[in-house]
């Protein structure tokens, strides 16, 4: 069974938004998946 998801909202700077968007596009992933990966690596 897949882990249930919990919706979260957060604020980012315009600069971070661009970095996130560019990274997601270059990897062929959604911005959400990039954030999930970053959280998993951080904790």
N, C-alpha and C. Protein backbone atom coordinates (compact mmCIF):
# COMPACT_ATOMS: atom_id res chain seq x y z
N UNK A 1 0.84 -1.18 0.00
CA UNK A 1 0.00 0.00 0.00
C UNK A 1 0.88 1.25 0.00
N UNK A 2 0.49 2.24 -0.76
CA UNK A 2 1.25 3.48 -0.87
C UNK A 2 1.06 4.35 0.37
N UNK A 3 2.09 5.13 0.70
CA UNK A 3 1.97 6.04 1.84
C UNK A 3 0.96 7.13 1.53
N UNK A 4 0.04 7.42 2.46
CA UNK A 4 -0.91 8.50 2.23
C UNK A 4 -0.19 9.85 2.24
N UNK A 5 -0.68 10.76 1.44
CA UNK A 5 -0.07 12.09 1.33
C UNK A 5 -0.83 13.10 2.18
N UNK A 6 -0.12 14.07 2.68
CA UNK A 6 -0.69 15.18 3.44
C UNK A 6 -0.35 16.46 2.68
N UNK A 7 -1.33 17.29 2.38
CA UNK A 7 -1.11 18.52 1.63
C UNK A 7 -0.42 19.55 2.51
N UNK A 8 0.61 20.19 1.96
CA UNK A 8 1.34 21.25 2.65
C UNK A 8 1.47 22.45 1.72
N UNK A 9 1.51 23.63 2.29
CA UNK A 9 1.73 24.85 1.53
C UNK A 9 2.90 25.59 2.15
N UNK A 10 3.70 26.25 1.31
CA UNK A 10 4.83 27.02 1.80
C UNK A 10 5.14 28.14 0.82
N UNK A 11 5.90 29.11 1.28
CA UNK A 11 6.28 30.26 0.46
C UNK A 11 7.73 30.12 0.02
N UNK A 12 8.01 30.53 -1.21
CA UNK A 12 9.38 30.55 -1.72
C UNK A 12 9.64 31.91 -2.36
N UNK A 13 10.89 32.31 -2.41
CA UNK A 13 11.24 33.55 -3.10
C UNK A 13 11.09 33.34 -4.61
N UNK A 14 11.04 34.43 -5.35
CA UNK A 14 10.96 34.34 -6.82
C UNK A 14 12.18 33.62 -7.38
N UNK A 15 13.32 33.86 -6.77
CA UNK A 15 14.56 33.21 -7.22
C UNK A 15 14.48 31.70 -7.00
N UNK A 16 14.02 31.29 -5.81
CA UNK A 16 13.88 29.86 -5.51
C UNK A 16 12.83 29.21 -6.41
N UNK A 17 11.79 29.95 -6.72
CA UNK A 17 10.75 29.43 -7.62
C UNK A 17 11.33 29.12 -9.00
N UNK A 18 12.17 30.00 -9.50
CA UNK A 18 12.79 29.79 -10.80
C UNK A 18 13.73 28.59 -10.76
N UNK A 19 14.54 28.50 -9.72
CA UNK A 19 15.46 27.36 -9.57
C UNK A 19 14.67 26.06 -9.53
N UNK A 20 13.61 26.04 -8.75
CA UNK A 20 12.77 24.84 -8.61
C UNK A 20 12.15 24.46 -9.95
N UNK A 21 11.61 25.44 -10.65
CA UNK A 21 10.97 25.19 -11.95
C UNK A 21 11.98 24.67 -12.97
N UNK A 22 13.14 25.32 -13.04
CA UNK A 22 14.18 24.90 -13.99
C UNK A 22 14.69 23.50 -13.68
N UNK A 23 14.91 23.20 -12.40
CA UNK A 23 15.40 21.89 -12.01
C UNK A 23 14.38 20.80 -12.35
N UNK A 24 13.12 21.06 -12.04
CA UNK A 24 12.07 20.10 -12.34
C UNK A 24 12.00 19.83 -13.84
N UNK A 25 12.07 20.88 -14.62
CA UNK A 25 12.00 20.73 -16.07
C UNK A 25 13.20 19.95 -16.61
N UNK A 26 14.38 20.24 -16.10
CA UNK A 26 15.58 19.56 -16.59
C UNK A 26 15.61 18.08 -16.22
N UNK A 27 14.97 17.73 -15.08
CA UNK A 27 14.93 16.34 -14.64
C UNK A 27 13.70 15.59 -15.15
N UNK A 28 12.76 16.33 -15.74
CA UNK A 28 11.53 15.70 -16.21
C UNK A 28 10.62 15.28 -15.08
N UNK A 29 10.68 16.01 -13.97
CA UNK A 29 9.86 15.72 -12.80
C UNK A 29 8.98 16.92 -12.49
N UNK A 30 7.98 16.70 -11.65
CA UNK A 30 7.16 17.82 -11.19
C UNK A 30 7.91 18.59 -10.10
N UNK A 31 7.53 19.84 -9.91
CA UNK A 31 8.12 20.63 -8.83
C UNK A 31 7.84 19.96 -7.49
N UNK A 32 6.68 19.37 -7.36
CA UNK A 32 6.32 18.68 -6.12
C UNK A 32 7.28 17.54 -5.82
N UNK A 33 7.62 16.76 -6.85
CA UNK A 33 8.54 15.64 -6.64
C UNK A 33 9.93 16.15 -6.27
N UNK A 34 10.36 17.27 -6.84
CA UNK A 34 11.65 17.85 -6.48
C UNK A 34 11.65 18.23 -4.99
N UNK A 35 10.58 18.85 -4.54
CA UNK A 35 10.48 19.24 -3.12
C UNK A 35 10.48 17.99 -2.23
N UNK A 36 9.74 16.96 -2.63
CA UNK A 36 9.73 15.71 -1.84
C UNK A 36 11.12 15.12 -1.74
N UNK A 37 11.84 15.08 -2.86
CA UNK A 37 13.21 14.55 -2.85
C UNK A 37 14.09 15.37 -1.91
N UNK A 38 13.96 16.69 -1.98
CA UNK A 38 14.79 17.57 -1.15
C UNK A 38 14.51 17.33 0.33
N UNK A 39 13.25 17.17 0.69
CA UNK A 39 12.89 16.92 2.09
C UNK A 39 13.47 15.59 2.55
N UNK A 40 13.33 14.56 1.71
CA UNK A 40 13.87 13.24 2.09
C UNK A 40 15.38 13.29 2.27
N UNK A 41 16.07 14.03 1.43
CA UNK A 41 17.54 14.15 1.57
C UNK A 41 17.92 14.95 2.81
N UNK A 42 17.12 15.93 3.17
CA UNK A 42 17.44 16.83 4.29
C UNK A 42 17.26 16.14 5.63
N UNK A 43 16.22 15.35 5.78
CA UNK A 43 15.91 14.75 7.09
C UNK A 43 16.52 13.39 7.27
